[in-house]
């Protein structure tokens, strides 16, 4: 398990979309870690003020957004409890995908956008998501911790 107190945002790391051939490019300052070859069993989301934490078990496809009714059953990571509507989170805001021992984040053409390590994501492009990254859905910020 990860120690959330030892996490710090990785602001200096450059985040790039995955190439069309799905080659993963690692940031040069980051050393490879043995767990990089394994998909985590869960992802922990920690609010930027470190006051709220929730953990989501990994699935191959997880839609992030807010549920307004029973119609929104596709939303796996519901941010409604975090004042998501007033923070600019769309009902179908972003998606986390797991495939081939990697975890990626994709903006679903949300109105207020998604950021990964302070980089605005291009809609429908997959970006490598790693332990210690910061993500922003609209104006809602989280630190990401992988649980193995």
Protein backbone atom coordinates (compact mmCIF):
# COMPACT_ATOMS: atom_id res chain seq x y z
CA UNK A 1 0.00 0.00 0.00
CA UNK A 2 1.11 3.54 -0.69
CA UNK A 3 1.72 6.02 2.05
CA UNK A 4 -0.32 9.09 1.11
CA UNK A 5 1.72 11.32 3.41
CA UNK A 6 4.83 10.78 1.29
CA UNK A 7 3.20 11.82 -1.97
CA UNK A 8 4.04 15.11 -3.56
CA UNK A 9 2.72 16.44 -6.86
CA UNK A 10 5.04 15.81 -9.78
CA UNK A 11 4.79 19.28 -11.33
CA UNK A 12 8.06 19.18 -13.25
CA UNK A 13 7.26 15.99 -15.13
CA UNK A 14 6.22 16.49 -18.73
CA UNK A 15 3.06 14.67 -19.73
CA UNK A 16 2.50 13.73 -23.35
CA UNK A 17 -0.29 11.94 -25.17
CA UNK A 18 0.43 8.39 -26.21
CA UNK A 19 1.59 8.05 -29.79
CA UNK A 20 -0.67 6.39 -32.36
CA UNK A 21 1.42 3.23 -32.06
CA UNK A 22 0.77 3.22 -28.27
CA UNK A 23 4.42 3.62 -27.33
CA UNK A 24 4.83 4.86 -23.80
CA UNK A 25 7.37 7.61 -23.26
CA UNK A 26 8.66 7.95 -19.73
CA UNK A 27 9.78 11.27 -18.31
CA UNK A 28 13.59 11.44 -18.29
CA UNK A 29 13.95 12.40 -14.62
CA UNK A 30 11.88 9.46 -13.38
CA UNK A 31 13.67 6.19 -12.64
CA UNK A 32 11.87 2.98 -13.63
CA UNK A 33 10.23 1.18 -10.75
CA UNK A 34 9.50 -2.54 -10.53
CA UNK A 35 5.78 -1.86 -10.10
CA UNK A 36 5.64 0.03 -13.41
CA UNK A 37 5.08 -3.31 -15.12
CA UNK A 38 1.96 -4.08 -13.08
CA UNK A 39 -1.49 -2.58 -13.10
CA UNK A 40 -2.51 -1.46 -9.63
CA UNK A 41 -5.44 -3.16 -7.93
CA UNK A 42 -6.96 0.21 -7.01
CA UNK A 43 -6.51 3.94 -7.46
CA UNK A 44 -6.67 6.26 -4.49
CA UNK A 45 -7.83 9.85 -5.09
CA UNK A 46 -6.73 12.40 -2.49
CA UNK A 47 -8.15 15.92 -2.50
CA UNK A 48 -5.60 18.69 -2.81
CA UNK A 49 -6.23 19.76 0.81
CA UNK A 50 -5.57 16.12 1.90
CA UNK A 51 -8.86 16.09 3.84
CA UNK A 52 -10.81 13.59 1.72
CA UNK A 53 -9.64 10.30 0.28
CA UNK A 54 -11.50 7.67 -1.68
CA UNK A 55 -10.32 4.47 -3.32
CA UNK A 56 -11.67 2.91 -6.50
CA UNK A 57 -10.98 -0.69 -7.46
CA UNK A 58 -9.43 -0.96 -10.93
CA UNK A 59 -11.58 -1.90 -13.93
CA UNK A 60 -10.68 -1.89 -17.61
CA UNK A 61 -12.75 1.25 -18.22
CA UNK A 62 -13.87 3.74 -15.57
CA UNK A 63 -15.89 6.84 -16.46
CA UNK A 64 -15.33 9.83 -14.16
CA UNK A 65 -18.11 12.36 -13.71
CA UNK A 66 -21.22 12.96 -11.68
CA UNK A 67 -24.43 10.98 -11.46
CA UNK A 68 -27.65 12.94 -11.61
CA UNK A 69 -30.00 10.00 -11.82
CA UNK A 70 -30.16 6.26 -12.25
CA UNK A 71 -29.59 6.86 -15.98
CA UNK A 72 -25.94 7.67 -15.32
CA UNK A 73 -24.98 4.11 -14.43
CA UNK A 74 -21.91 4.33 -16.70
CA UNK A 75 -20.24 6.72 -14.24
CA UNK A 76 -17.96 4.54 -12.13
CA UNK A 77 -16.13 7.32 -10.30
CA UNK A 78 -18.89 9.65 -9.10
CA UNK A 79 -17.56 13.01 -7.91
CA UNK A 80 -20.95 14.35 -6.84
CA UNK A 81 -19.96 14.22 -3.15
CA UNK A 82 -17.14 16.68 -3.88
CA UNK A 83 -19.43 19.51 -5.06
CA UNK A 84 -18.64 18.44 -8.61
CA UNK A 85 -21.42 20.37 -10.33
CA UNK A 86 -20.30 23.77 -8.99
CA UNK A 87 -16.64 22.80 -9.57
CA UNK A 88 -17.27 22.33 -13.30
CA UNK A 89 -17.23 18.55 -13.54
CA UNK A 90 -19.28 17.22 -16.47
CA UNK A 91 -21.61 14.25 -16.12
CA UNK A 92 -19.25 12.29 -18.39
CA UNK A 93 -15.99 14.16 -17.81
CA UNK A 94 -13.06 11.77 -18.28
CA UNK A 95 -12.16 8.10 -18.44
CA UNK A 96 -9.45 5.92 -16.95
CA UNK A 97 -8.47 2.92 -19.05
CA UNK A 98 -6.28 -0.06 -18.18
CA UNK A 99 -4.73 -2.12 -20.93
CA UNK A 100 -1.38 -3.80 -21.55
CA UNK A 101 0.02 -3.09 -18.07
CA UNK A 102 -0.63 0.64 -18.24
CA UNK A 103 -3.19 3.06 -16.86
CA UNK A 104 -4.26 5.98 -19.03
CA UNK A 105 -6.48 9.04 -18.62
CA UNK A 106 -8.63 10.51 -21.38
CA UNK A 107 -10.80 13.64 -21.39
CA UNK A 108 -14.28 12.95 -22.80
CA UNK A 109 -14.63 16.38 -24.44
CA UNK A 110 -15.71 17.88 -21.12
CA UNK A 111 -16.84 21.49 -21.01
CA UNK A 112 -14.26 22.62 -18.40
CA UNK A 113 -11.44 20.27 -19.37
CA UNK A 114 -9.09 17.87 -17.63
CA UNK A 115 -5.51 18.50 -16.56
CA UNK A 116 -2.76 16.01 -15.78
CA UNK A 117 0.25 17.48 -13.94
CA UNK A 118 -0.90 20.99 -14.95
CA UNK A 119 -1.13 20.06 -18.65
CA UNK A 120 -4.47 20.56 -20.41
CA UNK A 121 -5.46 17.26 -22.01
CA UNK A 122 -6.59 17.15 -25.61
CA UNK A 123 -10.05 15.54 -25.78
CA UNK A 124 -10.11 11.86 -26.75
CA UNK A 125 -6.30 11.49 -26.41
CA UNK A 126 -4.93 8.96 -23.92
CA UNK A 127 -2.26 10.09 -21.46
CA UNK A 128 -0.22 7.82 -19.21
CA UNK A 129 -1.43 8.07 -15.59
CA UNK A 130 1.14 7.27 -12.91
CA UNK A 131 1.42 7.08 -9.14
CA UNK A 132 1.89 10.58 -7.71
CA UNK A 133 0.29 12.44 -10.62
CA UNK A 134 -2.06 15.36 -10.04
CA UNK A 135 -5.33 15.45 -11.96
CA UNK A 136 -7.88 18.22 -12.30
CA UNK A 137 -11.45 17.68 -13.46
CA UNK A 138 -12.89 21.15 -14.09
CA UNK A 139 -11.72 22.95 -10.92
CA UNK A 140 -11.61 19.80 -8.74
CA UNK A 141 -8.04 18.69 -7.93
CA UNK A 142 -6.81 15.28 -6.82
CA UNK A 143 -3.52 13.57 -6.15
CA UNK A 144 -3.41 10.01 -7.54
CA UNK A 145 -1.94 7.10 -5.59
CA UNK A 146 -1.81 3.57 -6.94
CA UNK A 147 -2.57 0.72 -4.55
CA UNK A 148 -0.84 -2.59 -5.33
